Amino acid sequence: MLIVGAGIAGLLMATALKRAGIGYKIIDQAARLSDEGAGICLPANAIEGLQALGLKDTVVQAAQVVERVSYLKPGGEVITTASLLEPPLNCQPFVALPRRDLVEIIGRDILDDICFDCYPVKTINHSSNISITLNNGDSDRYDLVIAADGIHSSTRDRQFAKRGTMDLGVGCWRFIVDTPLPQLQPQYYIGRTDAFMLYPLPNGQVYCYAQAADKHQHYTNADAQPLLQQLFAHYCPDVRRVIDQAEGIITGRLESVLSREVYSGRIVAIGDALHGCPPSLQQGVGLTVEDVLALSAALQQDSIEQALAQFKAARLARLGWVINESNKVINLASKGNNPLVRMVRNYILRKHGPANVVAWRKILQHDV
């Protein structure tokens, strides 16, 4: 089997296949494992999946455990708070850590297996296998190709009927600061069509995430720090302080994968290649490790064709719900300039609690 992409999804897939005794080859177009990115937030279902792969203890030891989530107005007035120590949320810890640390942990036993500077240039689906030609001229046939090459997966888009992503009209920024905020628990400040998150990391660091409506992409090429200082000037002192001290800000846009095919012929997508969407519910790693466990289990029990059908049946409804809910949060945020919409939004939050916590409960109860 060929795994295309040695990011979080590819590394986890290789880990699962290795534990199952299933042979694989893993390739990545980069020259080494990526250390780019800011923070990673791991809800309970992500930790549950990492536990099944034997990775939980190492990840939790390297992470910051959190106990509650609060949504606030830009000035700091609390809208709603929820404890993560109540059932079913307390089935596993909720943690956060720098992305590079997570990649290093899950890549330790896989690193020597990765063929770097390597990517497919030609793909032919046959009835019983798939032939792949790589950029270095090598060509081989595989029982299965696993597309783990991210939200803009070229492996997926070569074969799936619906290709690419949908731009959601929102700019986003990520960075980590060494600004101690004592006793910090996750805080989500929600404004009109903007929002800012503060999430504690180990060693007194803080993971910061910001987003703002940007339908016409005016912010894409702007100097990030002055722009954030302008966009969030009306936010509370803690937010303004971390922006003032920000370095290495990663600028992006919120997108959502269009295809719901899951697989085509002998190519199957996992991770962001399958369900890349806004981080509204922080399910990127959680869904990915679920993908990995479901696919590896199916491959141990059935033929490739049966395994792929089983994988799709097990995952499609759950993935579709998370994608739709994540997009819905962004769509609602885009209407925040309307005072009535903000009033209704805050009322719903006060009544039901933080939107991500509400979703986490459903996910953990397998109510989606």
Protein backbone atom coordinates (compact mmCIF):
# COMPACT_ATOMS: atom_id res chain seq x y z
CA MET A 1 0.00 0.00 0.00
CA LEU A 2 1.15 3.52 -0.74
CA ILE A 3 0.54 6.41 1.66
CA VAL A 4 0.89 9.79 -0.03
CA GLY A 5 1.75 12.47 2.51
CA ALA A 6 3.76 12.32 5.73
CA GLY A 7 1.79 14.87 7.71
CA ILE A 8 -0.29 13.96 10.74
CA ALA A 9 -2.72 11.81 8.72
CA GLY A 10 -0.01 9.90 6.86
CA LEU A 11 2.07 9.29 9.98
CA LEU A 12 -0.94 8.02 11.91
CA MET A 13 -1.95 5.78 9.00
CA ALA A 14 1.55 4.31 8.83
CA THR A 15 1.48 3.75 12.59
CA ALA A 16 -1.80 1.84 12.36
CA LEU A 17 -0.66 -0.29 9.42
CA LYS A 18 2.64 -1.10 11.14
CA ARG A 19 0.79 -2.18 14.30
CA ALA A 20 -1.49 -4.36 12.16
CA GLY A 21 1.41 -5.96 10.29
CA ILE A 22 0.26 -4.54 6.95
CA GLY A 23 3.04 -3.51 4.55
CA TYR A 24 3.18 0.06 3.27
CA LYS A 25 5.33 2.68 1.58
CA ILE A 26 5.03 6.31 2.65
CA ILE A 27 6.16 9.25 0.52
CA ASP A 28 6.15 13.03 0.90
CA GLN A 29 7.04 15.82 -1.51
CA ALA A 30 8.83 17.81 1.22
CA ALA A 31 12.50 17.36 2.07
CA ARG A 32 11.76 16.52 5.72
CA LEU A 33 8.95 16.34 8.25
CA SER A 34 7.22 19.70 8.47
CA ASP A 35 7.75 21.71 11.63
CA GLU A 36 5.43 24.45 10.41
CA GLY A 37 2.17 25.27 12.11
CA ALA A 38 1.14 26.66 15.45
CA GLY A 39 -0.92 24.78 18.04
CA ILE A 40 -3.06 21.66 17.95
CA CYS A 41 -6.13 21.24 20.16
CA LEU A 42 -7.10 17.63 20.86
CA PRO A 43 -10.61 16.94 22.19
CA ALA A 44 -11.43 13.69 23.97
CA ASN A 45 -12.19 11.65 20.83
CA ALA A 46 -8.73 12.50 19.47
CA ILE A 47 -7.10 11.26 22.67
CA GLU A 48 -9.28 8.16 22.59
CA GLY A 49 -8.00 7.37 19.10
CA LEU A 50 -4.39 8.07 20.02
CA GLN A 51 -4.77 5.69 22.95
CA ALA A 52 -5.80 2.93 20.55
CA LEU A 53 -2.54 3.55 18.65
CA GLY A 54 -0.42 3.50 21.80
CA LEU A 55 0.35 7.22 21.60
CA LYS A 56 -1.88 8.72 24.29
CA ASP A 57 0.50 8.78 27.24
CA THR A 58 3.38 10.39 25.32
CA VAL A 59 1.10 13.03 23.80
CA VAL A 60 -0.63 13.91 27.07
CA GLN A 61 2.71 14.19 28.88
CA ALA A 62 3.88 16.70 26.25
CA ALA A 63 0.63 18.69 26.29
CA GLN A 64 -1.34 21.11 28.42
CA VAL A 65 -4.53 19.62 29.88
CA VAL A 66 -7.52 21.98 30.03
CA GLU A 67 -10.68 21.74 32.11
CA ARG A 68 -13.20 24.27 30.83
CA VAL A 69 -14.12 26.38 27.81
CA SER A 70 -15.49 29.93 27.86
CA TYR A 71 -17.04 32.10 25.16
CA LEU A 72 -16.70 35.86 25.73
CA LYS A 73 -17.59 39.14 24.13
CA PRO A 74 -14.62 41.12 22.70
CA GLY A 75 -14.30 43.22 25.84
CA GLY A 76 -14.07 40.16 28.08
CA GLU A 77 -17.65 39.76 29.32
CA VAL A 78 -18.39 36.05 29.68
CA ILE A 79 -21.26 34.74 27.55
CA THR A 80 -21.10 31.09 28.58
CA THR A 81 -18.76 28.57 30.19
CA ALA A 82 -18.72 24.76 30.19
CA SER A 83 -16.75 22.27 32.26
CA LEU A 84 -14.89 19.47 30.48
CA LEU A 85 -14.92 17.38 33.66
CA GLU A 86 -18.54 16.24 33.30
CA PRO A 87 -19.78 13.12 31.44
CA PRO A 88 -19.33 12.29 28.64
CA LEU A 89 -16.59 14.92 28.21
CA ASN A 90 -14.49 13.50 31.03
CA CYS A 91 -13.92 10.14 29.32
CA GLN A 92 -10.52 11.42 28.16
CA PRO A 93 -8.48 14.57 28.79
CA PHE A 94 -8.71 17.60 26.50
CA VAL A 95 -5.22 18.83 25.65
CA ALA A 96 -3.23 21.18 23.43
CA LEU A 97 0.39 21.24 22.30
CA PRO A 98 2.52 22.76 19.55
CA ARG A 99 1.89 21.05 16.21
CA ARG A 100 5.60 20.34 15.70
CA ASP A 101 5.67 18.40 18.98
CA LEU A 102 2.74 16.22 17.93
CA VAL A 103 4.36 15.51 14.56
CA GLU A 104 7.63 14.60 16.27
CA ILE A 105 5.88 12.18 18.63
CA ILE A 106 3.84 10.34 16.02
CA GLY A 107 6.71 10.35 13.51
CA ARG A 108 9.37 8.76 15.74
CA ASP A 109 8.78 5.18 14.65
CA ILE A 110 7.92 6.08 11.05
CA LEU A 111 10.66 8.56 10.12
CA ASP A 112 13.05 5.98 8.68
CA ASP A 113 10.28 4.62 6.44
CA ILE A 114 9.54 7.92 4.67
CA CYS A 115 10.72 8.61 1.13
CA PHE A 116 11.11 12.40 1.00
CA ASP A 117 11.23 14.61 -2.13
CA CYS A 118 8.86 12.09 -3.66
CA TYR A 119 5.37 12.45 -5.13
CA PRO A 120 3.10 10.87 -7.80
CA VAL A 121 3.07 12.34 -11.30
CA LYS A 122 0.93 9.70 -12.99
CA THR A 123 -1.87 7.52 -11.62
CA ILE A 124 -3.74 4.72 -13.40
CA ASN A 125 -6.57 2.89 -11.65
CA HIS A 126 -6.81 -0.78 -12.69
CA SER A 127 -9.50 -3.21 -11.61
CA SER A 128 -7.29 -5.08 -9.15
CA ASN A 129 -4.53 -2.54 -8.37
CA ILE A 130 -3.28 0.94 -9.14
CA SER A 131 -0.09 1.93 -10.95
CA ILE A 132 1.82 4.97 -9.71
CA THR A 133 4.70 6.77 -11.40
CA LEU A 134 6.75 9.01 -9.13
CA ASN A 135 8.65 12.20 -9.90
CA ASN A 136 11.95 10.31 -9.67
CA GLY A 137 10.86 7.99 -12.48
CA ASP A 138 10.07 4.99 -10.27
CA SER A 139 6.89 3.12 -11.17
CA ASP A 140 5.08 0.41 -9.27
CA ARG A 141 1.67 -1.13 -8.66
CA TYR A 142 -0.14 -1.03 -5.31
CA ASP A 143 -3.22 -2.69 -3.90
CA LEU A 144 -4.32 0.64 -2.47
CA VAL A 145 -3.23 4.30 -2.49
CA ILE A 146 -4.11 6.32 0.61
CA ALA A 147 -4.37 10.06 -0.04
CA ALA A 148 -3.11 11.75 3.13
CA ASP A 149 -1.73 14.84 1.41
CA GLY A 150 -3.93 17.49 2.98
CA ILE A 151 -6.90 19.65 2.12
CA HIS A 152 -5.48 20.50 -1.31
CA SER A 153 -4.74 16.85 -2.08
CA SER A 154 -3.60 16.36 -5.68
CA THR A 155 -3.85 12.58 -5.16
CA ARG A 156 -7.57 12.94 -4.41
CA ASP A 157 -8.22 15.45 -7.16
CA ARG A 158 -6.66 13.25 -9.85
CA GLN A 159 -9.38 10.62 -9.34
CA PHE A 160 -12.41 12.08 -7.57
CA ALA A 161 -15.21 13.53 -9.69
CA LYS A 162 -15.74 16.61 -7.48
CA ARG A 163 -12.43 18.34 -6.87
CA GLY A 164 -10.93 21.07 -4.77
CA THR A 165 -12.33 23.12 -1.92
CA MET A 166 -14.90 25.81 -1.23
CA ASP A 167 -13.58 29.14 0.02
CA LEU A 168 -15.71 30.29 2.96
CA GLY A 169 -14.85 33.98 2.72
CA VAL A 170 -12.90 34.12 5.99
CA GLY A 171 -9.26 34.96 6.64
CA CYS A 172 -7.48 33.27 9.53
CA TRP A 173 -4.22 33.62 11.45
CA ARG A 174 -2.35 31.30 13.84
CA PHE A 175 0.64 31.88 16.08
CA ILE A 176 2.19 30.96 19.42
CA VAL A 177 3.46 33.48 21.97
CA ASP A 178 5.57 33.17 25.11
CA THR A 179 3.23 35.49 26.98
CA PRO A 180 2.21 33.95 30.31
CA LEU A 181 -1.49 34.35 31.06
CA PRO A 182 -1.77 32.81 34.57
CA GLN A 183 -4.53 30.24 35.11
CA LEU A 184 -5.55 30.50 31.46
CA GLN A 185 -8.24 28.11 30.25
CA PRO A 186 -9.45 28.12 26.61
CA GLN A 187 -11.16 31.41 25.80
CA TYR A 188 -13.08 32.15 22.61
CA TYR A 189 -13.79 35.84 22.05
CA ILE A 190 -16.55 36.32 19.48
CA GLY A 191 -17.25 39.69 17.93
CA ARG A 192 -19.26 40.60 14.89
CA THR A 193 -17.69 38.81 11.94
CA ASP A 194 -14.43 38.23 13.80
CA ALA A 195 -13.22 35.95 16.60
CA PHE A 196 -10.07 35.33 18.61
CA MET A 197 -9.04 32.25 20.59
CA LEU A 198 -6.54 31.97 23.44
CA TYR A 199 -5.53 28.38 24.30
CA PRO A 200 -2.90 27.43 26.89
CA LEU A 201 0.12 25.35 25.85
CA PRO A 202 2.88 23.79 27.97
CA ASN A 203 5.70 25.95 29.38
CA GLY A 204 3.56 29.06 29.68
CA GLN A 205 3.02 29.45 25.94
CA VAL A 206 -0.31 30.45 24.42
CA TYR A 207 -1.76 29.25 21.12
CA CYS A 208 -3.60 32.09 19.38
CA TYR A 209 -6.09 31.77 16.55
CA ALA A 210 -7.89 34.66 14.87
CA GLN A 211 -10.41 34.88 12.06
CA ALA A 212 -12.29 37.67 10.28
CA ALA A 213 -14.71 37.88 7.37
CA ASP A 214 -12.79 38.60 4.17
CA LYS A 215 -14.99 37.71 1.24
CA HIS A 216 -12.85 39.55 -1.30
CA GLN A 217 -9.47 38.42 0.09
CA HIS A 218 -8.23 41.88 1.00
CA TYR A 219 -6.30 40.47 3.96
CA THR A 220 -4.47 37.64 2.21
CA ASN A 221 -1.27 39.51 1.37
CA ALA A 222 -1.40 42.13 4.12
CA ASP A 223 1.29 42.43 6.79
CA ALA A 224 -0.27 40.22 9.44
CA GLN A 225 0.64 41.89 12.73
CA PRO A 226 -0.44 45.48 11.87
CA LEU A 227 -3.61 44.06 10.34
CA LEU A 228 -4.46 42.06 13.47
CA GLN A 229 -3.70 45.08 15.65
CA GLN A 230 -6.23 47.02 13.60
CA LEU A 231 -8.91 44.29 13.37
CA PHE A 232 -8.80 43.45 17.08
CA ALA A 233 -8.08 46.88 18.56
CA HIS A 234 -11.45 46.81 20.36
CA TYR A 235 -10.73 43.46 22.04
CA CYS A 236 -9.64 43.01 25.65
CA PRO A 237 -6.07 43.71 26.87
CA ASP A 238 -5.01 40.04 26.82
CA VAL A 239 -5.84 39.74 23.12
CA ARG A 240 -4.13 43.00 22.24
CA ARG A 241 -1.06 41.98 24.25
CA VAL A 242 -0.53 38.65 22.48
CA ILE A 243 -0.96 40.32 19.10
CA ASP A 244 1.66 42.93 20.00
CA GLN A 245 4.12 40.14 20.86
CA ALA A 246 3.27 37.87 17.93
CA GLU A 247 5.97 36.54 15.63
CA GLY A 248 5.81 34.01 12.82
CA ILE A 249 2.11 34.55 12.18
CA ILE A 250 0.67 31.97 9.76
CA THR A 251 -1.91 33.50 7.43
CA GLY A 252 -4.56 31.41 5.71
CA ARG A 253 -8.17 31.16 4.62
CA LEU A 254 -10.97 28.90 5.78
CA GLU A 255 -11.90 26.27 3.23
CA SER A 256 -14.02 23.13 3.10
CA VAL A 257 -13.47 20.02 0.97
CA LEU A 258 -16.19 19.63 -1.67
CA SER A 259 -16.07 15.90 -2.39
CA ARG A 260 -17.92 13.29 -0.36
CA GLU A 261 -16.72 10.33 -2.45
CA VAL A 262 -14.36 8.88 0.22
CA TYR A 263 -12.75 6.63 -2.39
CA SER A 264 -12.55 6.16 -6.15
CA GLY A 265 -11.25 2.90 -7.53
CA ARG A 266 -8.18 2.04 -5.49
CA ILE A 267 -7.61 5.55 -4.08
CA VAL A 268 -9.05 6.41 -0.66
CA ALA A 269 -8.76 9.75 1.15
CA ILE A 270 -8.17 10.27 4.87
CA GLY A 271 -7.58 13.28 7.11
CA ASP A 272 -7.90 16.74 5.62
CA ALA A 273 -7.90 15.26 2.12
CA LEU A 274 -11.23 13.68 3.06
CA HIS A 275 -12.82 16.10 5.52
CA GLY A 276 -10.79 19.31 5.61
CA CYS A 277 -13.03 22.08 6.94
CA PRO A 278 -12.94 25.07 9.34
CA PRO A 279 -11.58 24.34 12.84
CA SER A 280 -14.89 25.39 14.41
CA LEU A 281 -15.21 22.08 16.30
CA GLN A 282 -11.46 21.33 16.44
CA GLN A 283 -11.98 17.91 14.89
CA GLY A 284 -9.07 17.75 12.45
CA VAL A 285 -6.96 15.25 14.40
CA GLY A 286 -9.95 13.60 16.06
CA LEU A 287 -11.60 12.67 12.79
CA THR A 288 -8.25 11.73 11.26
CA VAL A 289 -7.35 9.20 13.92
CA GLU A 290 -10.87 7.78 13.62
CA ASP A 291 -10.31 7.44 9.85
CA VAL A 292 -7.04 5.63 10.45
CA LEU A 293 -8.47 3.16 12.95
CA ALA A 294 -11.55 2.43 10.84
CA LEU A 295 -9.58 1.90 7.62
CA SER A 296 -6.87 -0.25 9.18
CA ALA A 297 -9.50 -2.42 10.89
CA ALA A 298 -11.41 -2.89 7.64
CA LEU A 299 -8.24 -3.80 5.74
CA GLN A 300 -7.46 -6.56 8.24
CA GLN A 301 -10.85 -8.20 7.80
CA ASP A 302 -11.90 -7.89 4.17
CA SER A 303 -10.78 -7.62 0.58
CA ILE A 304 -9.77 -4.15 -0.61
CA GLU A 305 -13.16 -3.61 -2.27
CA GLN A 306 -15.08 -4.72 0.80
CA ALA A 307 -12.78 -2.74 3.12
CA LEU A 308 -13.32 0.48 1.17
CA ALA A 309 -17.09 0.02 1.13
CA GLN A 310 -17.05 -0.72 4.86
CA PHE A 311 -14.87 2.33 5.54
CA LYS A 312 -17.19 4.62 3.60
CA ALA A 313 -20.29 3.23 5.31
CA ALA A 314 -18.69 3.69 8.73
CA ARG A 315 -17.42 7.23 8.17
CA LEU A 316 -19.53 9.18 5.67
CA ALA A 317 -22.45 10.28 7.85
CA ARG A 318 -20.22 11.26 10.78
CA LEU A 319 -17.81 13.21 8.57
CA GLY A 320 -20.64 14.94 6.76
CA TRP A 321 -22.19 16.05 10.04
CA VAL A 322 -18.93 17.54 11.34
CA ILE A 323 -18.22 19.32 8.05
CA ASN A 324 -21.74 20.73 7.84
CA GLU A 325 -21.74 21.87 11.49
CA SER A 326 -18.28 23.45 11.11
CA ASN A 327 -19.37 25.32 7.99
CA LYS A 328 -22.62 26.35 9.69
CA VAL A 329 -20.70 28.06 12.51
CA ILE A 330 -18.71 30.06 9.95
CA ASN A 331 -21.82 30.93 7.97
CA LEU A 332 -23.53 32.21 11.12
CA ALA A 333 -20.46 34.28 12.01
CA SER A 334 -20.61 35.96 8.60
CA LYS A 335 -24.00 37.43 9.58
CA GLY A 336 -22.69 38.94 12.80
CA ASN A 337 -22.92 42.55 11.62
CA ASN A 338 -26.66 42.27 12.20
CA PRO A 339 -27.38 43.16 15.87
CA LEU A 340 -30.42 40.86 15.96
CA VAL A 341 -28.33 37.93 14.74
CA ARG A 342 -25.75 38.59 17.46
CA MET A 343 -28.48 38.79 20.09
CA VAL A 344 -29.94 35.45 18.99
CA ARG A 345 -26.47 33.88 18.76
CA ASN A 346 -25.57 34.92 22.30
CA TYR A 347 -28.95 33.77 23.61
CA ILE A 348 -28.44 30.31 22.10
CA LEU A 349 -24.93 30.13 23.55
CA ARG A 350 -26.16 31.07 27.01
CA LYS A 351 -28.93 28.48 26.81
CA HIS A 352 -26.97 25.55 25.38
CA GLY A 353 -23.33 26.34 26.13
CA PRO A 354 -20.27 26.75 23.89
CA ALA A 355 -20.95 25.49 20.36
CA ASN A 356 -17.86 23.29 20.22
CA VAL A 357 -18.65 21.68 23.59
CA VAL A 358 -22.21 20.93 22.46
CA ALA A 359 -20.76 19.23 19.37
CA TRP A 360 -18.15 17.31 21.40
CA ARG A 361 -20.91 15.82 23.53
CA LYS A 362 -22.71 14.56 20.43
CA ILE A 363 -19.50 13.20 18.95
CA LEU A 364 -18.54 11.34 22.12
CA GLN A 365 -22.03 9.91 22.46
CA HIS A 366 -21.88 8.84 18.79
CA ASP A 367 -25.03 10.87 18.28
CA VAL A 368 -23.88 12.04 14.82
